[in-house]
């Protein structure tokens, strides 16, 4: 299944012109999707999810290093070749949000 995480940049600029309502709604929408994906991954309902991109690589999956953790494996593509950069272990949703997540389309595995 595919999920769309909306870019909040333009909406954050518009907040200076008026209220934060639109920004807060979109932020809550994005967080709701990502929280659901994270919890489904922890519960084993999905095998993982990744950012659909031809520039950067972000894959969230059950950790191969620590039981019960979610692992973020990341890198980038150069001339069509994947250049892996590293990984980190995420234990709860606050760890997940601390690492941040880019806007774009996410696909479940």
N, C-alpha and C. Protein backbone atom coordinates (compact mmCIF):
# COMPACT_ATOMS: atom_id res chain seq x y z
N UNK A 1 0.84 -1.16 0.00
CA UNK A 1 0.00 0.00 0.00
C UNK A 1 0.90 1.24 0.00
N UNK A 2 0.45 2.30 -0.65
CA UNK A 2 1.22 3.54 -0.72
C UNK A 2 0.57 4.61 0.16
N UNK A 3 1.43 5.43 0.77
CA UNK A 3 0.99 6.54 1.61
C UNK A 3 1.73 7.79 1.19
N UNK A 4 1.03 8.92 1.20
CA UNK A 4 1.63 10.19 0.79
C UNK A 4 1.83 11.07 2.01
N UNK A 5 3.07 11.45 2.27
CA UNK A 5 3.41 12.38 3.35
C UNK A 5 3.62 13.75 2.70
N UNK A 6 2.80 14.70 3.10
CA UNK A 6 2.82 16.01 2.45
C UNK A 6 3.95 16.88 2.97
N UNK A 7 4.49 17.70 2.08
CA UNK A 7 5.54 18.65 2.42
C UNK A 7 4.91 19.84 3.14
N UNK A 8 5.41 20.15 4.32
CA UNK A 8 4.84 21.22 5.14
C UNK A 8 5.55 22.56 4.98
N UNK A 9 6.60 22.61 4.18
CA UNK A 9 7.40 23.83 4.06
C UNK A 9 6.59 25.05 3.67
N UNK A 10 5.86 24.96 2.58
CA UNK A 10 5.10 26.12 2.10
C UNK A 10 4.03 26.53 3.11
N UNK A 11 3.45 25.55 3.80
CA UNK A 11 2.42 25.85 4.79
C UNK A 11 3.03 26.53 6.03
N UNK A 12 4.28 26.19 6.35
CA UNK A 12 4.91 26.85 7.49
C UNK A 12 5.16 28.33 7.17
N UNK A 13 5.50 28.64 5.92
CA UNK A 13 5.68 30.04 5.53
C UNK A 13 4.36 30.80 5.58
N UNK A 14 3.31 30.14 5.19
CA UNK A 14 1.99 30.79 5.18
C UNK A 14 1.47 31.06 6.59
N UNK A 15 2.03 30.40 7.57
CA UNK A 15 1.59 30.62 8.95
C UNK A 15 1.86 32.05 9.40
N UNK A 16 2.87 32.67 8.82
CA UNK A 16 3.17 34.05 9.20
C UNK A 16 2.14 35.04 8.66
N UNK A 17 1.35 34.57 7.69
CA UNK A 17 0.31 35.41 7.11
C UNK A 17 -1.01 35.29 7.85
N UNK A 18 -1.15 34.26 8.65
CA UNK A 18 -2.42 34.04 9.33
C UNK A 18 -2.30 32.97 10.39
N UNK A 19 -3.25 32.07 10.39
CA UNK A 19 -3.29 31.05 11.45
C UNK A 19 -2.45 29.82 11.09
N UNK A 20 -2.22 29.01 12.09
CA UNK A 20 -1.47 27.78 11.95
C UNK A 20 -2.38 26.59 11.67
N UNK A 21 -3.66 26.81 11.50
CA UNK A 21 -4.63 25.73 11.42
C UNK A 21 -4.31 24.74 10.30
N UNK A 22 -4.08 25.22 9.10
CA UNK A 22 -3.80 24.32 7.96
C UNK A 22 -2.52 23.52 8.20
N UNK A 23 -1.49 24.18 8.69
CA UNK A 23 -0.22 23.50 8.98
C UNK A 23 -0.42 22.41 10.03
N UNK A 24 -1.13 22.74 11.10
CA UNK A 24 -1.34 21.77 12.18
C UNK A 24 -2.16 20.57 11.71
N UNK A 25 -3.13 20.79 10.84
CA UNK A 25 -3.93 19.68 10.31
C UNK A 25 -3.07 18.75 9.45
N UNK A 26 -2.25 19.33 8.59
CA UNK A 26 -1.39 18.52 7.74
C UNK A 26 -0.32 17.79 8.55
N UNK A 27 0.22 18.46 9.55
CA UNK A 27 1.21 17.83 10.41
C UNK A 27 0.59 16.64 11.16
N UNK A 28 -0.61 16.81 11.67
CA UNK A 28 -1.31 15.72 12.37
C UNK A 28 -1.61 14.57 11.41
N UNK A 29 -1.98 14.91 10.18
CA UNK A 29 -2.24 13.89 9.16
C UNK A 29 -0.98 13.07 8.88
N UNK A 30 0.15 13.75 8.64
CA UNK A 30 1.42 13.08 8.38
C UNK A 30 1.82 12.20 9.56
N UNK A 31 1.72 12.74 10.76
CA UNK A 31 2.13 11.99 11.95
C UNK A 31 1.24 10.77 12.16
N UNK A 32 -0.04 10.90 11.88
CA UNK A 32 -0.97 9.77 12.02
C UNK A 32 -0.57 8.62 11.09
N UNK A 33 -0.24 8.94 9.85
CA UNK A 33 0.19 7.91 8.90
C UNK A 33 1.47 7.24 9.37
N UNK A 34 2.46 8.04 9.75
CA UNK A 34 3.75 7.47 10.13
C UNK A 34 3.67 6.68 11.43
N UNK A 35 2.85 7.14 12.36
CA UNK A 35 2.67 6.41 13.62
C UNK A 35 2.03 5.05 13.36
N UNK A 36 1.04 5.04 12.47
CA UNK A 36 0.38 3.78 12.11
C UNK A 36 1.36 2.81 11.44
N UNK A 37 2.16 3.31 10.52
CA UNK A 37 3.16 2.47 9.85
C UNK A 37 4.18 1.92 10.86
N UNK A 38 4.64 2.78 11.75
CA UNK A 38 5.63 2.37 12.75
C UNK A 38 5.06 1.29 13.66
N UNK A 39 3.84 1.48 14.15
CA UNK A 39 3.22 0.50 15.04
C UNK A 39 2.93 -0.82 14.31
N UNK A 40 2.48 -0.74 13.06
CA UNK A 40 2.25 -1.96 12.28
C UNK A 40 3.55 -2.73 12.06
N UNK A 41 4.63 -2.02 11.85
CA UNK A 41 5.94 -2.66 11.69
C UNK A 41 6.38 -3.33 12.98
N UNK A 42 6.25 -2.63 14.10
CA UNK A 42 6.62 -3.21 15.39
C UNK A 42 5.79 -4.46 15.70
N UNK A 43 4.51 -4.43 15.33
CA UNK A 43 3.61 -5.55 15.62
C UNK A 43 3.78 -6.70 14.62
N UNK A 44 4.54 -6.50 13.57
CA UNK A 44 4.74 -7.55 12.58
C UNK A 44 3.64 -7.64 11.54
N UNK A 45 2.77 -6.64 11.47
CA UNK A 45 1.69 -6.64 10.48
C UNK A 45 2.21 -6.34 9.07
N UNK A 46 3.32 -5.62 8.99
CA UNK A 46 3.97 -5.35 7.70
C UNK A 46 5.45 -5.70 7.85
N UNK A 47 6.09 -5.99 6.73
CA UNK A 47 7.51 -6.34 6.76
C UNK A 47 8.43 -5.13 6.81
N UNK A 48 7.90 -3.97 6.42
CA UNK A 48 8.68 -2.74 6.41
C UNK A 48 8.00 -1.71 5.54
N UNK A 49 8.62 -0.54 5.44
CA UNK A 49 8.16 0.49 4.53
C UNK A 49 9.35 1.35 4.12
N UNK A 50 9.24 1.92 2.94
CA UNK A 50 10.37 2.68 2.40
C UNK A 50 9.88 3.90 1.64
N UNK A 51 10.78 4.87 1.52
CA UNK A 51 10.54 6.08 0.75
C UNK A 51 10.76 5.78 -0.73
N UNK A 52 9.77 6.05 -1.55
CA UNK A 52 9.89 5.86 -2.99
C UNK A 52 10.62 7.09 -3.55
N UNK A 53 11.87 6.90 -3.96
CA UNK A 53 12.69 8.02 -4.42
C UNK A 53 13.80 7.50 -5.32
N UNK A 54 14.19 8.30 -6.29
CA UNK A 54 15.34 7.94 -7.13
C UNK A 54 16.60 8.67 -6.68
N UNK A 55 16.51 9.42 -5.57
CA UNK A 55 17.66 10.17 -5.06
C UNK A 55 18.16 9.66 -3.71
N UNK A 56 17.22 9.35 -2.81
CA UNK A 56 17.64 8.88 -1.49
C UNK A 56 16.97 7.56 -1.14
N UNK A 57 17.61 6.83 -0.25
CA UNK A 57 17.14 5.51 0.17
C UNK A 57 16.85 5.54 1.66
N UNK A 58 15.61 5.25 2.02
CA UNK A 58 15.23 5.14 3.43
C UNK A 58 14.32 3.94 3.56
N UNK A 59 14.76 2.94 4.30
CA UNK A 59 14.00 1.72 4.52
C UNK A 59 13.87 1.49 6.02
N UNK A 60 12.63 1.34 6.47
CA UNK A 60 12.34 1.03 7.87
C UNK A 60 11.92 -0.43 7.91
N UNK A 61 12.60 -1.22 8.75
CA UNK A 61 12.30 -2.65 8.85
C UNK A 61 12.62 -3.11 10.26
N UNK A 62 12.20 -4.34 10.58
CA UNK A 62 12.54 -4.87 11.90
C UNK A 62 14.06 -5.01 11.99
N UNK A 63 14.58 -4.66 13.13
CA UNK A 63 16.03 -4.60 13.30
C UNK A 63 16.69 -5.96 13.16
N UNK A 64 17.80 -5.98 12.46
CA UNK A 64 18.63 -7.18 12.36
C UNK A 64 19.67 -7.22 13.48
N UNK A 65 19.74 -6.13 14.26
CA UNK A 65 20.75 -6.01 15.31
C UNK A 65 20.19 -6.16 16.72
N UNK A 66 18.99 -5.63 16.94
CA UNK A 66 18.41 -5.65 18.28
C UNK A 66 16.95 -6.07 18.22
N UNK A 67 16.62 -7.11 18.96
CA UNK A 67 15.25 -7.62 18.99
C UNK A 67 14.30 -6.54 19.51
N UNK A 68 13.16 -6.40 18.86
CA UNK A 68 12.14 -5.45 19.28
C UNK A 68 12.32 -4.04 18.76
N UNK A 69 13.43 -3.77 18.11
CA UNK A 69 13.68 -2.43 17.59
C UNK A 69 13.33 -2.37 16.10
N UNK A 70 13.12 -1.16 15.63
CA UNK A 70 12.94 -0.90 14.20
C UNK A 70 14.25 -0.29 13.70
N UNK A 71 14.70 -0.76 12.56
CA UNK A 71 15.95 -0.26 12.01
C UNK A 71 15.65 0.64 10.81
N UNK A 72 16.28 1.79 10.79
CA UNK A 72 16.26 2.67 9.63
C UNK A 72 17.57 2.47 8.90
N UNK A 73 17.51 1.97 7.68
CA UNK A 73 18.68 1.84 6.82
C UNK A 73 18.58 2.95 5.79
N UNK A 74 19.67 3.69 5.57
CA UNK A 74 19.59 4.84 4.68
C UNK A 74 20.83 4.96 3.81
N UNK A 75 20.63 5.68 2.71
CA UNK A 75 21.71 5.92 1.76
C UNK A 75 21.21 6.83 0.64
N UNK A 76 21.90 6.81 -0.49
CA UNK A 76 21.49 7.62 -1.62
C UNK A 76 21.86 6.90 -2.91
N UNK A 77 21.32 7.37 -4.01
CA UNK A 77 21.61 6.80 -5.32
C UNK A 77 22.52 7.75 -6.09
N UNK A 78 23.57 7.20 -6.68
CA UNK A 78 24.47 7.98 -7.53
C UNK A 78 24.62 7.23 -8.85
N UNK A 79 24.22 7.88 -9.93
CA UNK A 79 24.26 7.26 -11.26
C UNK A 79 23.51 5.92 -11.26
N UNK A 80 22.40 5.87 -10.54
CA UNK A 80 21.57 4.67 -10.50
C UNK A 80 22.06 3.59 -9.55
N UNK A 81 23.18 3.79 -8.89
CA UNK A 81 23.73 2.80 -7.97
C UNK A 81 23.45 3.22 -6.53
N UNK A 82 23.01 2.28 -5.71
CA UNK A 82 22.74 2.54 -4.30
C UNK A 82 24.04 2.65 -3.53
N UNK A 83 24.21 3.76 -2.83
CA UNK A 83 25.36 3.97 -1.96
C UNK A 83 24.84 3.93 -0.52
N UNK A 84 25.00 2.80 0.19
CA UNK A 84 24.51 2.73 1.56
C UNK A 84 25.36 3.61 2.48
N UNK A 85 24.70 4.27 3.42
CA UNK A 85 25.41 5.18 4.33
C UNK A 85 25.41 4.70 5.77
N UNK A 86 24.32 4.10 6.22
CA UNK A 86 24.29 3.66 7.60
C UNK A 86 22.91 3.20 8.03
N UNK A 87 22.80 3.01 9.33
CA UNK A 87 21.53 2.60 9.91
C UNK A 87 21.46 3.09 11.34
N UNK A 88 20.27 3.09 11.88
CA UNK A 88 20.10 3.39 13.30
C UNK A 88 18.91 2.59 13.82
N UNK A 89 18.92 2.36 15.12
CA UNK A 89 17.88 1.58 15.77
C UNK A 89 16.88 2.53 16.43
N UNK A 90 15.61 2.26 16.22
CA UNK A 90 14.53 3.08 16.78
C UNK A 90 13.70 2.20 17.70
N UNK A 91 13.51 2.65 18.93
CA UNK A 91 12.83 1.82 19.92
C UNK A 91 11.38 2.22 20.15
N UNK A 92 11.06 3.46 19.89
CA UNK A 92 9.67 3.92 20.02
C UNK A 92 9.42 5.06 19.04
N UNK A 93 8.18 5.55 19.01
CA UNK A 93 7.83 6.55 18.02
C UNK A 93 8.56 7.87 18.24
N UNK A 94 8.92 8.18 19.48
CA UNK A 94 9.68 9.42 19.72
C UNK A 94 11.07 9.33 19.09
N UNK A 95 11.69 8.15 19.09
CA UNK A 95 12.96 7.96 18.38
C UNK A 95 12.76 8.18 16.88
N UNK A 96 11.65 7.66 16.39
CA UNK A 96 11.32 7.79 14.97
C UNK A 96 11.18 9.25 14.56
N UNK A 97 10.43 10.03 15.34
CA UNK A 97 10.23 11.43 14.99
C UNK A 97 11.51 12.25 15.19
N UNK A 98 12.34 11.85 16.13
CA UNK A 98 13.62 12.54 16.33
C UNK A 98 14.50 12.43 15.08
N UNK A 99 14.49 11.28 14.44
CA UNK A 99 15.27 11.08 13.21
C UNK A 99 14.67 11.84 12.05
N UNK A 100 13.37 12.12 12.13
CA UNK A 100 12.70 12.84 11.06
C UNK A 100 12.39 11.93 9.88
N UNK A 101 11.51 12.40 9.04
CA UNK A 101 11.17 11.66 7.83
C UNK A 101 10.81 12.66 6.74
N UNK A 102 11.31 12.43 5.54
CA UNK A 102 11.05 13.36 4.46
C UNK A 102 9.63 13.20 3.91
N UNK A 103 9.13 14.23 3.28
CA UNK A 103 7.84 14.14 2.61
C UNK A 103 8.03 13.28 1.37
N UNK A 104 6.93 12.77 0.86
CA UNK A 104 6.99 11.94 -0.33
C UNK A 104 6.06 10.75 -0.20
N UNK A 105 6.24 9.78 -1.08
CA UNK A 105 5.43 8.58 -1.09
C UNK A 105 6.18 7.45 -0.40
N UNK A 106 5.47 6.75 0.48
CA UNK A 106 6.02 5.60 1.17
C UNK A 106 5.25 4.35 0.75
N UNK A 107 5.97 3.27 0.55
CA UNK A 107 5.39 2.00 0.12
C UNK A 107 5.64 0.95 1.20
N UNK A 108 4.63 0.16 1.51
CA UNK A 108 4.82 -0.91 2.49
C UNK A 108 5.32 -2.17 1.80
N UNK A 109 5.97 -2.99 2.58
CA UNK A 109 6.47 -4.28 2.10
C UNK A 109 5.65 -5.37 2.74
